[in-house]
PDB file of N, CA and C in Angstrom:
ATOM      1  N   UNK A   1       0.848  -1.187   0.000  1.00  0.00           N
ATOM      2  CA  UNK A   1       0.000   0.000   0.000  1.00  0.00           C
ATOM      3  C   UNK A   1       0.883   1.236   0.000  1.00  0.00           C
ATOM      4  N   UNK A   2       0.610   2.126  -0.904  1.00  0.00           N
ATOM      5  CA  UNK A   2       1.368   3.375  -0.984  1.00  0.00           C
ATOM      6  C   UNK A   2       0.724   4.398  -0.064  1.00  0.00           C
ATOM      7  N   UNK A   3       1.507   4.938   0.867  1.00  0.00           N
ATOM      8  CA  UNK A   3       0.994   5.916   1.817  1.00  0.00           C
ATOM      9  C   UNK A   3       1.439   7.310   1.397  1.00  0.00           C
ATOM     10  N   UNK A   4       0.624   8.322   1.674  1.00  0.00           N
ATOM     11  CA  UNK A   4       0.986   9.696   1.308  1.00  0.00           C
ATOM     12  C   UNK A   4       2.246  10.145   2.020  1.00  0.00           C
ATOM     13  N   UNK A   5       3.056  10.937   1.325  1.00  0.00           N
ATOM     14  CA  UNK A   5       4.310  11.404   1.906  1.00  0.00           C
ATOM     15  C   UNK A   5       4.325  12.903   2.131  1.00  0.00           C
ATOM     16  N   UNK A   6       3.375  13.603   1.590  1.00  0.00           N
ATOM     17  CA  UNK A   6       3.365  15.056   1.720  1.00  0.00           C
ATOM     18  C   UNK A   6       2.168  15.463   2.563  1.00  0.00           C
ATOM     19  N   UNK A   7       2.364  16.376   3.526  1.00  0.00           N
ATOM     20  CA  UNK A   7       1.279  16.755   4.442  1.00  0.00           C
ATOM     21  C   UNK A   7      -0.011  17.146   3.752  1.00  0.00           C
ATOM     22  N   UNK A   8       0.058  17.838   2.635  1.00  0.00           N
ATOM     23  CA  UNK A   8      -1.168  18.306   1.997  1.00  0.00           C
ATOM     24  C   UNK A   8      -1.966  17.163   1.391  1.00  0.00           C
ATOM     25  N   UNK A   9      -1.352  16.013   1.208  1.00  0.00           N
ATOM     26  CA  UNK A   9      -2.081  14.883   0.643  1.00  0.00           C
ATOM     27  C   UNK A   9      -2.723  14.018   1.712  1.00  0.00           C
ATOM     28  N   UNK A  10      -2.437  14.286   2.952  1.00  0.00           N
ATOM     29  CA  UNK A  10      -2.960  13.435   4.016  1.00  0.00           C
ATOM     30  C   UNK A  10      -4.426  13.720   4.302  1.00  0.00           C
ATOM     31  N   UNK A  11      -4.744  14.924   4.651  1.00  0.00           N
ATOM     32  CA  UNK A  11      -6.130  15.229   4.983  1.00  0.00           C
ATOM     33  C   UNK A  11      -6.329  16.729   5.079  1.00  0.00           C
ATOM     34  N   UNK A  12      -7.458  17.180   4.571  1.00  0.00           N
ATOM     35  CA  UNK A  12      -7.791  18.586   4.686  1.00  0.00           C
ATOM     36  C   UNK A  12      -8.472  18.909   5.997  1.00  0.00           C
ATOM     37  N   UNK A  13      -8.785  17.892   6.806  1.00  0.00           N
ATOM     38  CA  UNK A  13      -9.552  18.122   8.034  1.00  0.00           C
ATOM     39  C   UNK A  13      -8.675  18.317   9.269  1.00  0.00           C
ATOM     40  N   UNK A  14      -7.360  18.257   9.101  1.00  0.00           N
ATOM     41  CA  UNK A  14      -6.469  18.472  10.242  1.00  0.00           C
ATOM     42  C   UNK A  14      -5.518  19.616   9.916  1.00  0.00           C
ATOM     43  N   UNK A  15      -4.903  20.150  10.945  1.00  0.00           N
ATOM     44  CA  UNK A  15      -4.017  21.286  10.768  1.00  0.00           C
ATOM     45  C   UNK A  15      -2.696  20.915  10.113  1.00  0.00           C
ATOM     46  N   UNK A  16      -1.985  21.936   9.689  1.00  0.00           N
ATOM     47  CA  UNK A  16      -0.699  21.737   9.017  1.00  0.00           C
ATOM     48  C   UNK A  16       0.310  21.041   9.924  1.00  0.00           C
ATOM     49  N   UNK A  17       0.319  21.412  11.206  1.00  0.00           N
ATOM     50  CA  UNK A  17       1.260  20.793  12.141  1.00  0.00           C
ATOM     51  C   UNK A  17       0.989  19.310  12.319  1.00  0.00           C
ATOM     52  N   UNK A  18      -0.285  18.969  12.490  1.00  0.00           N
ATOM     53  CA  UNK A  18      -0.653  17.564  12.649  1.00  0.00           C
ATOM     54  C   UNK A  18      -0.352  16.775  11.381  1.00  0.00           C
ATOM     55  N   UNK A  19      -0.619  17.387  10.232  1.00  0.00           N
ATOM     56  CA  UNK A  19      -0.311  16.736   8.952  1.00  0.00           C
ATOM     57  C   UNK A  19       1.179  16.437   8.837  1.00  0.00           C
ATOM     58  N   UNK A  20       1.971  17.395   9.244  1.00  0.00           N
ATOM     59  CA  UNK A  20       3.426  17.218   9.180  1.00  0.00           C
ATOM     60  C   UNK A  20       3.890  16.103  10.112  1.00  0.00           C
ATOM     61  N   UNK A  21       3.330  16.056  11.313  1.00  0.00           N
ATOM     62  CA  UNK A  21       3.692  15.001  12.266  1.00  0.00           C
ATOM     63  C   UNK A  21       3.354  13.631  11.678  1.00  0.00           C
ATOM     64  N   UNK A  22       2.174  13.495  11.109  1.00  0.00           N
ATOM     65  CA  UNK A  22       1.757  12.215  10.535  1.00  0.00           C
ATOM     66  C   UNK A  22       2.627  11.854   9.337  1.00  0.00           C
ATOM     67  N   UNK A  23       2.891  12.821   8.467  1.00  0.00           N
ATOM     68  CA  UNK A  23       3.750  12.559   7.308  1.00  0.00           C
ATOM     69  C   UNK A  23       5.128  12.086   7.734  1.00  0.00           C
ATOM     70  N   UNK A  24       5.708  12.779   8.679  1.00  0.00           N
ATOM     71  CA  UNK A  24       7.037  12.411   9.149  1.00  0.00           C
ATOM     72  C   UNK A  24       7.004  11.052   9.851  1.00  0.00           C
ATOM     73  N   UNK A  25       5.946  10.814  10.612  1.00  0.00           N
ATOM     74  CA  UNK A  25       5.793   9.523  11.268  1.00  0.00           C
ATOM     75  C   UNK A  25       5.746   8.376  10.267  1.00  0.00           C
ATOM     76  N   UNK A  26       5.031   8.588   9.168  1.00  0.00           N
ATOM     77  CA  UNK A  26       4.980   7.579   8.116  1.00  0.00           C
ATOM     78  C   UNK A  26       6.343   7.385   7.467  1.00  0.00           C
ATOM     79  N   UNK A  27       6.972   8.501   7.149  1.00  0.00           N
ATOM     80  CA  UNK A  27       8.267   8.449   6.471  1.00  0.00           C
ATOM     81  C   UNK A  27       9.331   7.751   7.317  1.00  0.00           C
ATOM     82  N   UNK A  28       9.344   8.060   8.611  1.00  0.00           N
ATOM     83  CA  UNK A  28      10.368   7.501   9.497  1.00  0.00           C
ATOM     84  C   UNK A  28       9.951   6.174  10.138  1.00  0.00           C
ATOM     85  N   UNK A  29       8.703   5.773   9.848  1.00  0.00           N
ATOM     86  CA  UNK A  29       8.153   4.571  10.496  1.00  0.00           C
ATOM     87  C   UNK A  29       8.288   4.690  12.017  1.00  0.00           C
ATOM     88  N   UNK A  30       7.837   5.820  12.519  1.00  0.00           N
ATOM     89  CA  UNK A  30       7.955   6.146  13.942  1.00  0.00           C
ATOM     90  C   UNK A  30       7.211   5.131  14.801  1.00  0.00           C
ATOM     91  N   UNK A  31       7.781   4.858  15.954  1.00  0.00           N
ATOM     92  CA  UNK A  31       7.149   3.945  16.903  1.00  0.00           C
ATOM     93  C   UNK A  31       5.875   4.559  17.472  1.00  0.00           C
ATOM     94  N   UNK A  32       5.898   5.883  17.717  1.00  0.00           N
ATOM     95  CA  UNK A  32       4.748   6.565  18.309  1.00  0.00           C
ATOM     96  C   UNK A  32       4.794   8.038  17.963  1.00  0.00           C
ATOM     97  N   UNK A  33       3.610   8.620  17.760  1.00  0.00           N
ATOM     98  CA  UNK A  33       3.484  10.051  17.489  1.00  0.00           C
ATOM     99  C   UNK A  33       2.832  10.738  18.682  1.00  0.00           C
ATOM    100  N   UNK A  34       3.189  11.991  18.894  1.00  0.00           N
ATOM    101  CA  UNK A  34       2.529  12.794  19.926  1.00  0.00           C
ATOM    102  C   UNK A  34       1.513  13.682  19.221  1.00  0.00           C
ATOM    103  N   UNK A  35       0.239  13.382  19.439  1.00  0.00           N
ATOM    104  CA  UNK A  35      -0.860  14.140  18.844  1.00  0.00           C
ATOM    105  C   UNK A  35      -1.967  14.295  19.874  1.00  0.00           C
ATOM    106  N   UNK A  36      -2.565  15.469  19.938  1.00  0.00           N
ATOM    107  CA  UNK A  36      -3.656  15.708  20.883  1.00  0.00           C
ATOM    108  C   UNK A  36      -5.011  15.874  20.206  1.00  0.00           C
ATOM    109  N   UNK A  37      -5.039  16.399  19.012  1.00  0.00           N
ATOM    110  CA  UNK A  37      -6.310  16.671  18.335  1.00  0.00           C
ATOM    111  C   UNK A  37      -6.962  15.378  17.857  1.00  0.00           C
ATOM    112  N   UNK A  38      -8.232  15.215  18.190  1.00  0.00           N
ATOM    113  CA  UNK A  38      -8.947  13.972  17.887  1.00  0.00           C
ATOM    114  C   UNK A  38      -8.936  13.595  16.398  1.00  0.00           C
ATOM    115  N   UNK A  39      -9.212  14.516  15.461  1.00  0.00           N
ATOM    116  CA  UNK A  39      -9.189  14.108  14.049  1.00  0.00           C
ATOM    117  C   UNK A  39      -7.809  13.586  13.606  1.00  0.00           C
ATOM    118  N   UNK A  40      -6.758  14.208  14.098  1.00  0.00           N
ATOM    119  CA  UNK A  40      -5.406  13.765  13.742  1.00  0.00           C
ATOM    120  C   UNK A  40      -5.111  12.403  14.359  1.00  0.00           C
ATOM    121  N   UNK A  41      -5.558  12.187  15.573  1.00  0.00           N
ATOM    122  CA  UNK A  41      -5.353  10.893  16.232  1.00  0.00           C
ATOM    123  C   UNK A  41      -6.085   9.783  15.474  1.00  0.00           C
ATOM    124  N   UNK A  42      -7.308  10.088  15.038  1.00  0.00           N
ATOM    125  CA  UNK A  42      -8.083   9.099  14.269  1.00  0.00           C
ATOM    126  C   UNK A  42      -7.387   8.766  12.956  1.00  0.00           C
ATOM    127  N   UNK A  43      -6.924   9.783  12.257  1.00  0.00           N
ATOM    128  CA  UNK A  43      -6.245   9.550  10.987  1.00  0.00           C
ATOM    129  C   UNK A  43      -4.976   8.733  11.193  1.00  0.00           C
ATOM    130  N   UNK A  44      -4.208   9.051  12.208  1.00  0.00           N
ATOM    131  CA  UNK A  44      -2.987   8.299  12.493  1.00  0.00           C
ATOM    132  C   UNK A  44      -3.316   6.833  12.752  1.00  0.00           C
ATOM    133  N   UNK A  45      -4.377   6.582  13.500  1.00  0.00           N
ATOM    134  CA  UNK A  45      -4.776   5.200  13.796  1.00  0.00           C
ATOM    135  C   UNK A  45      -5.163   4.457  12.517  1.00  0.00           C
ATOM    136  N   UNK A  46      -5.912   5.135  11.644  1.00  0.00           N
ATOM    137  CA  UNK A  46      -6.301   4.528  10.370  1.00  0.00           C
ATOM    138  C   UNK A  46      -5.062   4.163   9.551  1.00  0.00           C
ATOM    139  N   UNK A  47      -4.029   4.984   9.648  1.00  0.00           N
ATOM    140  CA  UNK A  47      -2.790   4.743   8.905  1.00  0.00           C
ATOM    141  C   UNK A  47      -1.859   3.756   9.617  1.00  0.00           C
ATOM    142  N   UNK A  48      -2.318   3.233  10.742  1.00  0.00           N
ATOM    143  CA  UNK A  48      -1.544   2.230  11.459  1.00  0.00           C
ATOM    144  C   UNK A  48      -0.456   2.774  12.363  1.00  0.00           C
ATOM    145  N   UNK A  49      -0.570   4.045  12.719  1.00  0.00           N
ATOM    146  CA  UNK A  49       0.427   4.678  13.585  1.00  0.00           C
ATOM    147  C   UNK A  49      -0.041   4.691  15.029  1.00  0.00           C
ATOM    148  N   UNK A  50       0.860   4.447  15.943  1.00  0.00           N
ATOM    149  CA  UNK A  50       0.565   4.498  17.370  1.00  0.00           C
ATOM    150  C   UNK A  50       0.684   5.946  17.839  1.00  0.00           C
ATOM    151  N   UNK A  51      -0.226   6.344  18.727  1.00  0.00           N
ATOM    152  CA  UNK A  51      -0.299   7.741  19.162  1.00  0.00           C
ATOM    153  C   UNK A  51      -0.329   7.828  20.688  1.00  0.00           C
ATOM    154  N   UNK A  52       0.310   8.864  21.201  1.00  0.00           N
ATOM    155  CA  UNK A  52       0.192   9.230  22.611  1.00  0.00           C
ATOM    156  C   UNK A  52      -0.083  10.735  22.646  1.00  0.00           C
ATOM    157  N   UNK A  53      -0.865  11.163  23.610  1.00  0.00           N
ATOM    158  CA  UNK A  53      -1.143  12.582  23.761  1.00  0.00           C
ATOM    159  C   UNK A  53      -0.205  13.213  24.784  1.00  0.00           C
ATOM    160  N   UNK A  54      -0.280  14.498  24.907  1.00  0.00           N
ATOM    161  CA  UNK A  54       0.566  15.230  25.845  1.00  0.00           C
ATOM    162  C   UNK A  54       0.359  14.743  27.274  1.00  0.00           C
ATOM    163  N   UNK A  55      -0.896  14.556  27.662  1.00  0.00           N
ATOM    164  CA  UNK A  55      -1.192  14.110  29.024  1.00  0.00           C
ATOM    165  C   UNK A  55      -0.681  12.685  29.233  1.00  0.00           C
ATOM    166  N   UNK A  56      -0.843  11.831  28.244  1.00  0.00           N
ATOM    167  CA  UNK A  56      -0.314  10.473  28.330  1.00  0.00           C
ATOM    168  C   UNK A  56       1.191  10.455  28.458  1.00  0.00           C
ATOM    169  N   UNK A  57       1.823  11.389  27.766  1.00  0.00           N
ATOM    170  CA  UNK A  57       3.277  11.511  27.851  1.00  0.00           C
ATOM    171  C   UNK A  57       3.699  11.912  29.262  1.00  0.00           C
ATOM    172  N   UNK A  58       2.949  12.817  29.871  1.00  0.00           N
ATOM    173  CA  UNK A  58       3.239  13.210  31.260  1.00  0.00           C
ATOM    174  C   UNK A  58       3.066  12.036  32.220  1.00  0.00           C
ATOM    175  N   UNK A  59       2.008  11.261  32.027  1.00  0.00           N
ATOM    176  CA  UNK A  59       1.800  10.081  32.872  1.00  0.00           C
ATOM    177  C   UNK A  59       2.941   9.080  32.716  1.00  0.00           C
ATOM    178  N   UNK A  60       3.369   8.864  31.487  1.00  0.00           N
ATOM    179  CA  UNK A  60       4.485   7.944  31.238  1.00  0.00           C
ATOM    180  C   UNK A  60       5.762   8.452  31.895  1.00  0.00           C
ATOM    181  N   UNK A  61       5.996   9.764  31.816  1.00  0.00           N
ATOM    182  CA  UNK A  61       7.191  10.349  32.433  1.00  0.00           C
ATOM    183  C   UNK A  61       7.168  10.155  33.942  1.00  0.00           C
ATOM    184  N   UNK A  62       5.999  10.336  34.553  1.00  0.00           N
ATOM    185  CA  UNK A  62       5.913  10.143  36.001  1.00  0.00           C
ATOM    186  C   UNK A  62       6.130   8.684  36.369  1.00  0.00           C
ATOM    187  N   UNK A  63       5.535   7.783  35.608  1.00  0.00           N
ATOM    188  CA  UNK A  63       5.678   6.355  35.939  1.00  0.00           C
ATOM    189  C   UNK A  63       7.118   5.879  35.787  1.00  0.00           C
ATOM    190  N   UNK A  64       7.900   6.582  34.970  1.00  0.00           N
ATOM    191  CA  UNK A  64       9.312   6.233  34.797  1.00  0.00           C
ATOM    192  C   UNK A  64      10.231   7.015  35.735  1.00  0.00           C
ATOM    193  N   UNK A  65       9.627   7.824  36.597  1.00  0.00           N
ATOM    194  CA  UNK A  65      10.417   8.580  37.561  1.00  0.00           C
ATOM    195  C   UNK A  65      11.055   9.836  37.001  1.00  0.00           C
ATOM    196  N   UNK A  66      10.607  10.273  35.832  1.00  0.00           N
ATOM    197  CA  UNK A  66      11.163  11.487  35.232  1.00  0.00           C
ATOM    198  C   UNK A  66      10.482  12.753  35.735  1.00  0.00           C
ATOM    199  N   UNK A  67       9.289  12.595  36.288  1.00  0.00           N
ATOM    200  CA  UNK A  67       8.550  13.705  36.911  1.00  0.00           C
ATOM    201  C   UNK A  67       8.122  13.266  38.299  1.00  0.00           C
ATOM    202  N   UNK A  68       8.260  14.144  39.265  1.00  0.00           N
ATOM    203  CA  UNK A  68       7.781  13.825  40.612  1.00  0.00           C
ATOM    204  C   UNK A  68       6.272  14.020  40.707  1.00  0.00           C
ATOM    205  N   UNK A  69       5.775  15.094  40.082  1.00  0.00           N
ATOM    206  CA  UNK A  69       4.352  15.430  40.131  1.00  0.00           C
ATOM    207  C   UNK A  69       3.880  15.899  38.768  1.00  0.00           C
ATOM    208  N   UNK A  70       2.667  15.491  38.430  1.00  0.00           N
ATOM    209  CA  UNK A  70       2.055  15.902  37.166  1.00  0.00           C
ATOM    210  C   UNK A  70       1.237  17.179  37.332  1.00  0.00           C
ATOM    211  N   UNK A  71       0.670  17.391  38.500  1.00  0.00           N
ATOM    212  CA  UNK A  71      -0.229  18.525  38.704  1.00  0.00           C
ATOM    213  C   UNK A  71       0.375  19.868  38.261  1.00  0.00           C
ATOM    214  N   UNK A  72       1.619  20.190  38.622  1.00  0.00           N
ATOM    215  CA  UNK A  72       2.161  21.473  38.151  1.00  0.00           C
ATOM    216  C   UNK A  72       2.234  21.564  36.627  1.00  0.00           C
ATOM    217  N   UNK A  73       2.502  20.438  35.987  1.00  0.00           N
ATOM    218  CA  UNK A  73       2.580  20.431  34.522  1.00  0.00           C
ATOM    219  C   UNK A  73       1.198  20.607  33.905  1.00  0.00           C
ATOM    220  N   UNK A  74       0.193  19.947  34.481  1.00  0.00           N
ATOM    221  CA  UNK A  74      -1.176  20.114  33.997  1.00  0.00           C
ATOM    222  C   UNK A  74      -1.632  21.556  34.178  1.00  0.00           C
ATOM    223  N   UNK A  75      -1.274  22.146  35.316  1.00  0.00           N
ATOM    224  CA  UNK A  75      -1.630  23.547  35.564  1.00  0.00           C
ATOM    225  C   UNK A  75      -0.972  24.472  34.549  1.00  0.00           C
ATOM    226  N   UNK A  76       0.281  24.202  34.218  1.00  0.00           N
ATOM    227  CA  UNK A  76       0.971  25.012  33.204  1.00  0.00           C
ATOM    228  C   UNK A  76       0.302  24.877  31.840  1.00  0.00           C
ATOM    229  N   UNK A  77      -0.091  23.658  31.499  1.00  0.00           N
ATOM    230  CA  UNK A  77      -0.789  23.455  30.224  1.00  0.00           C
ATOM    231  C   UNK A  77      -2.080  24.259  30.185  1.00  0.00           C
ATOM    232  N   UNK A  78      -2.830  24.234  31.271  1.00  0.00           N
ATOM    233  CA  UNK A  78      -4.079  24.995  31.319  1.00  0.00           C
ATOM    234  C   UNK A  78      -3.820  26.500  31.201  1.00  0.00           C
ATOM    235  N   UNK A  79      -2.733  26.972  31.782  1.00  0.00           N
ATOM    236  CA  UNK A  79      -2.395  28.391  31.712  1.00  0.00           C
ATOM    237  C   UNK A  79      -2.153  28.845  30.278  1.00  0.00           C
ATOM    238  N   UNK A  80      -1.662  27.955  29.424  1.00  0.00           N
ATOM    239  CA  UNK A  80      -1.412  28.317  28.029  1.00  0.00           C
ATOM    240  C   UNK A  80      -2.563  27.871  27.125  1.00  0.00           C
ATOM    241  N   UNK A  81      -3.725  27.658  27.750  1.00  0.00           N
ATOM    242  CA  UNK A  81      -4.979  27.351  27.064  1.00  0.00           C
ATOM    243  C   UNK A  81      -5.013  25.989  26.369  1.00  0.00           C
ATOM    244  N   UNK A  82      -4.288  25.035  26.907  1.00  0.00           N
ATOM    245  CA  UNK A  82      -4.403  23.650  26.461  1.00  0.00           C
ATOM    246  C   UNK A  82      -5.752  23.157  26.952  1.00  0.00           C
ATOM    247  N   UNK A  83      -6.595  22.675  26.044  1.00  0.00           N
ATOM    248  CA  UNK A  83      -7.938  22.283  26.452  1.00  0.00           C
ATOM    249  C   UNK A  83      -7.901  20.980  27.241  1.00  0.00           C
ATOM    250  N   UNK A  84      -8.435  21.084  28.456  1.00  0.00           N
ATOM    251  CA  UNK A  84      -8.542  19.924  29.331  1.00  0.00           C
ATOM    252  C   UNK A  84      -9.687  20.226  30.288  1.00  0.00           C
ATOM    253  N   UNK A  85     -10.784  19.483  30.153  1.00  0.00           N
ATOM    254  CA  UNK A  85     -11.897  19.765  31.052  1.00  0.00           C
ATOM    255  C   UNK A  85     -11.586  19.262  32.465  1.00  0.00           C
ATOM    256  N   UNK A  86     -12.392  19.694  33.407  1.00  0.00           N
ATOM    257  CA  UNK A  86     -12.151  19.364  34.814  1.00  0.00           C
ATOM    258  C   UNK A  86     -12.181  17.855  35.065  1.00  0.00           C
ATOM    259  N   UNK A  87     -13.052  17.156  34.353  1.00  0.00           N
ATOM    260  CA  UNK A  87     -13.158  15.703  34.537  1.00  0.00           C
ATOM    261  C   UNK A  87     -11.851  15.006  34.144  1.00  0.00           C
ATOM    262  N   UNK A  88     -11.289  15.383  33.009  1.00  0.00           N
ATOM    263  CA  UNK A  88     -10.014  14.797  32.577  1.00  0.00           C
ATOM    264  C   UNK A  88      -8.901  15.172  33.556  1.00  0.00           C
ATOM    265  N   UNK A  89      -8.861  16.420  33.943  1.00  0.00           N
ATOM    266  CA  UNK A  89      -7.856  16.903  34.897  1.00  0.00           C
ATOM    267  C   UNK A  89      -7.877  16.062  36.171  1.00  0.00           C
ATOM    268  N   UNK A  90      -9.075  15.889  36.740  1.00  0.00           N
ATOM    269  CA  UNK A  90      -9.222  15.109  37.970  1.00  0.00           C
ATOM    270  C   UNK A  90      -8.864  13.638  37.753  1.00  0.00           C
ATOM    271  N   UNK A  91      -9.298  13.074  36.633  1.00  0.00           N
ATOM    272  CA  UNK A  91      -9.024  11.667  36.343  1.00  0.00           C
ATOM    273  C   UNK A  91      -7.523  11.408  36.206  1.00  0.00           C
ATOM    274  N   UNK A  92      -6.819  12.333  35.564  1.00  0.00           N
ATOM    275  CA  UNK A  92      -5.370  12.183  35.403  1.00  0.00           C
ATOM    276  C   UNK A  92      -4.669  12.253  36.761  1.00  0.00           C
ATOM    277  N   UNK A  93      -5.103  13.165  37.619  1.00  0.00           N
ATOM    278  CA  UNK A  93      -4.501  13.266  38.940  1.00  0.00           C
ATOM    279  C   UNK A  93      -4.733  11.991  39.753  1.00  0.00           C
ATOM    280  N   UNK A  94      -5.896  11.382  39.617  1.00  0.00           N
ATOM    281  CA  UNK A  94      -6.157  10.109  40.303  1.00  0.00           C
ATOM    282  C   UNK A  94      -5.234   9.027  39.754  1.00  0.00           C
ATOM    283  N   UNK A  95      -5.127   8.946  38.420  1.00  0.00           N
ATOM    284  CA  UNK A  95      -4.234   7.967  37.805  1.00  0.00           C
ATOM    285  C   UNK A  95      -2.798   8.139  38.262  1.00  0.00           C
ATOM    286  N   UNK A  96      -2.413   9.390  38.475  1.00  0.00           N
ATOM    287  CA  UNK A  96      -1.039   9.706  38.869  1.00  0.00           C
ATOM    288  C   UNK A  96      -0.843   9.615  40.385  1.00  0.00           C
ATOM    289  N   UNK A  97      -1.891   9.227  41.107  1.00  0.00           N
ATOM    290  CA  UNK A  97      -1.840   9.166  42.575  1.00  0.00           C
ATOM    291  C   UNK A  97      -1.480  10.511  43.194  1.00  0.00           C
ATOM    292  N   UNK A  98      -2.096  11.554  42.691  1.00  0.00           N
ATOM    293  CA  UNK A  98      -1.829  12.899  43.230  1.00  0.00           C
ATOM    294  C   UNK A  98      -3.107  13.504  43.766  1.00  0.00           C
TER     295      UNK A  98
END
């Protein structure tokens, strides 16, 4: 199966940054991509790419001992208008034992 190699051929429904991440992921046969936007995550899955989001990356970092606490990082993300509703915020803190 021939997969698209140029961001503009991937999808018109996702942003340029997400298109570039997916294109590069395909080209490099990346083990995992960091994507947060739902349409981009869906497209990556359809293309057979594994995806992790920013919050998942923070959880993984904490579980590996690279972060002591996730809460300050989640708060910083919210300060820069990273969309995260209260339910997700609380659920992540429970998962992180915070």
